Amino acid sequence: MPQKLREVGGCLVITIPRPIANLYKFKAGDMFELEPIGINELKLKKQV
């Protein structure tokens, strides 16, 4: 699912489509870590 990088209030934002958020039980306010894992690749990990 391609997502567009947007600017909101001086920050860059990528939205997570609702079906993916539901699948992984992501909620507003959840904290995440981003880790570069290769050229043009990131790992997204929910903090517990």
PDB file of N, CA and C in Angstrom:
ATOM      1  N   MET A   1       0.829  -1.175   0.000  1.00  0.00           N
ATOM      2  CA  MET A   1       0.000   0.000   0.000  1.00  0.00           C
ATOM      3  C   MET A   1       0.878   1.244   0.000  1.00  0.00           C
ATOM      4  N   PRO A   2       1.026   1.896  -1.092  1.00  0.00           N
ATOM      5  CA  PRO A   2       1.829   3.125  -1.107  1.00  0.00           C
ATOM      6  C   PRO A   2       1.187   4.217  -0.251  1.00  0.00           C
ATOM      7  N   GLN A   3       2.001   4.923   0.492  1.00  0.00           N
ATOM      8  CA  GLN A   3       1.537   6.031   1.325  1.00  0.00           C
ATOM      9  C   GLN A   3       2.382   7.253   1.008  1.00  0.00           C
ATOM     10  N   LYS A   4       1.758   8.412   1.012  1.00  0.00           N
ATOM     11  CA  LYS A   4       2.431   9.657   0.683  1.00  0.00           C
ATOM     12  C   LYS A   4       2.980  10.300   1.955  1.00  0.00           C
ATOM     13  N   LEU A   5       4.228  10.756   1.899  1.00  0.00           N
ATOM     14  CA  LEU A   5       4.833  11.488   2.994  1.00  0.00           C
ATOM     15  C   LEU A   5       4.288  12.905   2.962  1.00  0.00           C
ATOM     16  N   ARG A   6       3.735  13.372   4.101  1.00  0.00           N
ATOM     17  CA  ARG A   6       3.111  14.696   4.162  1.00  0.00           C
ATOM     18  C   ARG A   6       3.803  15.528   5.241  1.00  0.00           C
ATOM     19  N   GLU A   7       3.651  16.832   5.123  1.00  0.00           N
ATOM     20  CA  GLU A   7       4.148  17.725   6.160  1.00  0.00           C
ATOM     21  C   GLU A   7       2.969  18.248   6.960  1.00  0.00           C
ATOM     22  N   VAL A   8       3.049  18.077   8.293  1.00  0.00           N
ATOM     23  CA  VAL A   8       1.991  18.539   9.189  1.00  0.00           C
ATOM     24  C   VAL A   8       2.665  19.273  10.337  1.00  0.00           C
ATOM     25  N   GLY A   9       2.424  20.555  10.426  1.00  0.00           N
ATOM     26  CA  GLY A   9       2.979  21.336  11.522  1.00  0.00           C
ATOM     27  C   GLY A   9       4.490  21.281  11.612  1.00  0.00           C
ATOM     28  N   GLY A  10       5.178  21.227  10.498  1.00  0.00           N
ATOM     29  CA  GLY A  10       6.637  21.194  10.496  1.00  0.00           C
ATOM     30  C   GLY A  10       7.230  19.799  10.652  1.00  0.00           C
ATOM     31  N   CYS A  11       6.407  18.770  10.795  1.00  0.00           N
ATOM     32  CA  CYS A  11       6.875  17.383  10.897  1.00  0.00           C
ATOM     33  C   CYS A  11       6.495  16.627   9.632  1.00  0.00           C
ATOM     34  N   LEU A  12       7.257  15.595   9.314  1.00  0.00           N
ATOM     35  CA  LEU A  12       6.903  14.707   8.207  1.00  0.00           C
ATOM     36  C   LEU A  12       6.111  13.535   8.765  1.00  0.00           C
ATOM     37  N   VAL A  13       5.020  13.174   8.083  1.00  0.00           N
ATOM     38  CA  VAL A  13       4.081  12.177   8.590  1.00  0.00           C
ATOM     39  C   VAL A  13       3.753  11.163   7.505  1.00  0.00           C
ATOM     40  N   ILE A  14       3.735   9.888   7.869  1.00  0.00           N
ATOM     41  CA  ILE A  14       3.225   8.815   7.015  1.00  0.00           C
ATOM     42  C   ILE A  14       2.067   8.179   7.780  1.00  0.00           C
ATOM     43  N   THR A  15       0.922   8.083   7.149  1.00  0.00           N
ATOM     44  CA  THR A  15      -0.223   7.481   7.833  1.00  0.00           C
ATOM     45  C   THR A  15      -0.192   5.963   7.689  1.00  0.00           C
ATOM     46  N   ILE A  16      -0.800   5.292   8.666  1.00  0.00           N
ATOM     47  CA  ILE A  16      -0.939   3.832   8.639  1.00  0.00           C
ATOM     48  C   ILE A  16      -2.387   3.540   8.292  1.00  0.00           C
ATOM     49  N   PRO A  17      -2.632   2.836   7.185  1.00  0.00           N
ATOM     50  CA  PRO A  17      -4.012   2.536   6.806  1.00  0.00           C
ATOM     51  C   PRO A  17      -4.742   1.760   7.917  1.00  0.00           C
ATOM     52  N   ARG A  18      -6.023   2.050   8.083  1.00  0.00           N
ATOM     53  CA  ARG A  18      -6.826   1.451   9.151  1.00  0.00           C
ATOM     54  C   ARG A  18      -6.751  -0.081   9.172  1.00  0.00           C
ATOM     55  N   PRO A  19      -6.832  -0.800   8.017  1.00  0.00           N
ATOM     56  CA  PRO A  19      -6.762  -2.267   8.096  1.00  0.00           C
ATOM     57  C   PRO A  19      -5.453  -2.764   8.719  1.00  0.00           C
ATOM     58  N   ILE A  20      -4.343  -2.092   8.439  1.00  0.00           N
ATOM     59  CA  ILE A  20      -3.057  -2.491   9.021  1.00  0.00           C
ATOM     60  C   ILE A  20      -3.032  -2.141  10.507  1.00  0.00           C
ATOM     61  N   ALA A  21      -3.523  -0.949  10.870  1.00  0.00           N
ATOM     62  CA  ALA A  21      -3.577  -0.558  12.280  1.00  0.00           C
ATOM     63  C   ALA A  21      -4.427  -1.546  13.083  1.00  0.00           C
ATOM     64  N   ASN A  22      -5.546  -1.954  12.516  1.00  0.00           N
ATOM     65  CA  ASN A  22      -6.412  -2.930  13.210  1.00  0.00           C
ATOM     66  C   ASN A  22      -5.729  -4.275  13.346  1.00  0.00           C
ATOM     67  N   LEU A  23      -5.051  -4.718  12.294  1.00  0.00           N
ATOM     68  CA  LEU A  23      -4.369  -6.013  12.309  1.00  0.00           C
ATOM     69  C   LEU A  23      -3.339  -6.089  13.437  1.00  0.00           C
ATOM     70  N   TYR A  24      -2.596  -4.989  13.629  1.00  0.00           N
ATOM     71  CA  TYR A  24      -1.538  -4.972  14.640  1.00  0.00           C
ATOM     72  C   TYR A  24      -1.973  -4.306  15.947  1.00  0.00           C
ATOM     73  N   LYS A  25      -3.262  -3.961  16.049  1.00  0.00           N
ATOM     74  CA  LYS A  25      -3.830  -3.356  17.256  1.00  0.00           C
ATOM     75  C   LYS A  25      -3.126  -2.043  17.628  1.00  0.00           C
ATOM     76  N   PHE A  26      -2.766  -1.233  16.604  1.00  0.00           N
ATOM     77  CA  PHE A  26      -2.200   0.092  16.833  1.00  0.00           C
ATOM     78  C   PHE A  26      -3.323   1.041  17.218  1.00  0.00           C
ATOM     79  N   LYS A  27      -3.047   1.924  18.184  1.00  0.00           N
ATOM     80  CA  LYS A  27      -4.017   2.916  18.626  1.00  0.00           C
ATOM     81  C   LYS A  27      -3.348   4.284  18.655  1.00  0.00           C
ATOM     82  N   ALA A  28      -4.146   5.337  18.573  1.00  0.00           N
ATOM     83  CA  ALA A  28      -3.630   6.692  18.711  1.00  0.00           C
ATOM     84  C   ALA A  28      -2.905   6.803  20.056  1.00  0.00           C
ATOM     85  N   GLY A  29      -1.736   7.388  20.049  1.00  0.00           N
ATOM     86  CA  GLY A  29      -0.956   7.548  21.270  1.00  0.00           C
ATOM     87  C   GLY A  29       0.094   6.469  21.472  1.00  0.00           C
ATOM     88  N   ASP A  30       0.033   5.360  20.705  1.00  0.00           N
ATOM     89  CA  ASP A  30       1.065   4.329  20.806  1.00  0.00           C
ATOM     90  C   ASP A  30       2.414   4.927  20.423  1.00  0.00           C
ATOM     91  N   MET A  31       3.485   4.423  21.027  1.00  0.00           N
ATOM     92  CA  MET A  31       4.843   4.877  20.741  1.00  0.00           C
ATOM     93  C   MET A  31       5.544   3.818  19.886  1.00  0.00           C
ATOM     94  N   PHE A  32       6.371   4.301  18.954  1.00  0.00           N
ATOM     95  CA  PHE A  32       7.069   3.420  18.031  1.00  0.00           C
ATOM     96  C   PHE A  32       8.542   3.795  17.934  1.00  0.00           C
ATOM     97  N   GLU A  33       9.366   2.829  17.550  1.00  0.00           N
ATOM     98  CA  GLU A  33      10.771   3.061  17.227  1.00  0.00           C
ATOM     99  C   GLU A  33      10.941   2.844  15.731  1.00  0.00           C
ATOM    100  N   LEU A  34      11.741   3.695  15.092  1.00  0.00           N
ATOM    101  CA  LEU A  34      12.104   3.527  13.693  1.00  0.00           C
ATOM    102  C   LEU A  34      13.578   3.187  13.626  1.00  0.00           C
ATOM    103  N   GLU A  35      13.915   2.150  12.855  1.00  0.00           N
ATOM    104  CA  GLU A  35      15.301   1.725  12.723  1.00  0.00           C
ATOM    105  C   GLU A  35      15.622   1.533  11.243  1.00  0.00           C
ATOM    106  N   PRO A  36      16.649   2.221  10.728  1.00  0.00           N
ATOM    107  CA  PRO A  36      17.040   1.974   9.349  1.00  0.00           C
ATOM    108  C   PRO A  36      17.651   0.576   9.233  1.00  0.00           C
ATOM    109  N   ILE A  37      17.212  -0.194   8.239  1.00  0.00           N
ATOM    110  CA  ILE A  37      17.728  -1.561   8.084  1.00  0.00           C
ATOM    111  C   ILE A  37      18.357  -1.795   6.717  1.00  0.00           C
ATOM    112  N   GLY A  38      18.392  -0.789   5.884  1.00  0.00           N
ATOM    113  CA  GLY A  38      18.985  -0.914   4.560  1.00  0.00           C
ATOM    114  C   GLY A  38      18.653   0.325   3.756  1.00  0.00           C
ATOM    115  N   ILE A  39      19.137   0.354   2.561  1.00  0.00           N
ATOM    116  CA  ILE A  39      18.851   1.490   1.694  1.00  0.00           C
ATOM    117  C   ILE A  39      17.355   1.506   1.396  1.00  0.00           C
ATOM    118  N   ASN A  40      16.711   2.635   1.695  1.00  0.00           N
ATOM    119  CA  ASN A  40      15.280   2.828   1.464  1.00  0.00           C
ATOM    120  C   ASN A  40      14.392   1.888   2.276  1.00  0.00           C
ATOM    121  N   GLU A  41      14.883   1.378   3.412  1.00  0.00           N
ATOM    122  CA  GLU A  41      14.070   0.492   4.250  1.00  0.00           C
ATOM    123  C   GLU A  41      14.148   0.916   5.707  1.00  0.00           C
ATOM    124  N   LEU A  42      13.008   0.857   6.382  1.00  0.00           N
ATOM    125  CA  LEU A  42      12.917   1.126   7.814  1.00  0.00           C
ATOM    126  C   LEU A  42      12.181  -0.005   8.498  1.00  0.00           C
ATOM    127  N   LYS A  43      12.533  -0.235   9.748  1.00  0.00           N
ATOM    128  CA  LYS A  43      11.805  -1.189  10.586  1.00  0.00           C
ATOM    129  C   LYS A  43      10.989  -0.369  11.574  1.00  0.00           C
ATOM    130  N   LEU A  44       9.701  -0.643  11.688  1.00  0.00           N
ATOM    131  CA  LEU A  44       8.815   0.027  12.617  1.00  0.00           C
ATOM    132  C   LEU A  44       8.488  -0.953  13.738  1.00  0.00           C
ATOM    133  N   LYS A  45       8.775  -0.559  14.975  1.00  0.00           N
ATOM    134  CA  LYS A  45       8.542  -1.450  16.107  1.00  0.00           C
ATOM    135  C   LYS A  45       7.753  -0.708  17.172  1.00  0.00           C
ATOM    136  N   LYS A  46       6.633  -1.297  17.583  1.00  0.00           N
ATOM    137  CA  LYS A  46       5.801  -0.709  18.645  1.00  0.00           C
ATOM    138  C   LYS A  46       6.488  -0.917  19.976  1.00  0.00           C
ATOM    139  N   GLN A  47       6.582   0.160  20.765  1.00  0.00           N
ATOM    140  CA  GLN A  47       7.157   0.039  22.106  1.00  0.00           C
ATOM    141  C   GLN A  47       6.104  -0.523  23.034  1.00  0.00           C
ATOM    142  N   VAL A  48       6.542  -1.386  23.931  1.00  0.00           N
ATOM    143  CA  VAL A  48       5.615  -1.988  24.902  1.00  0.00           C
ATOM    144  C   VAL A  48       5.905  -1.509  26.289  1.00  0.00           C
TER     145      VAL A  48
END
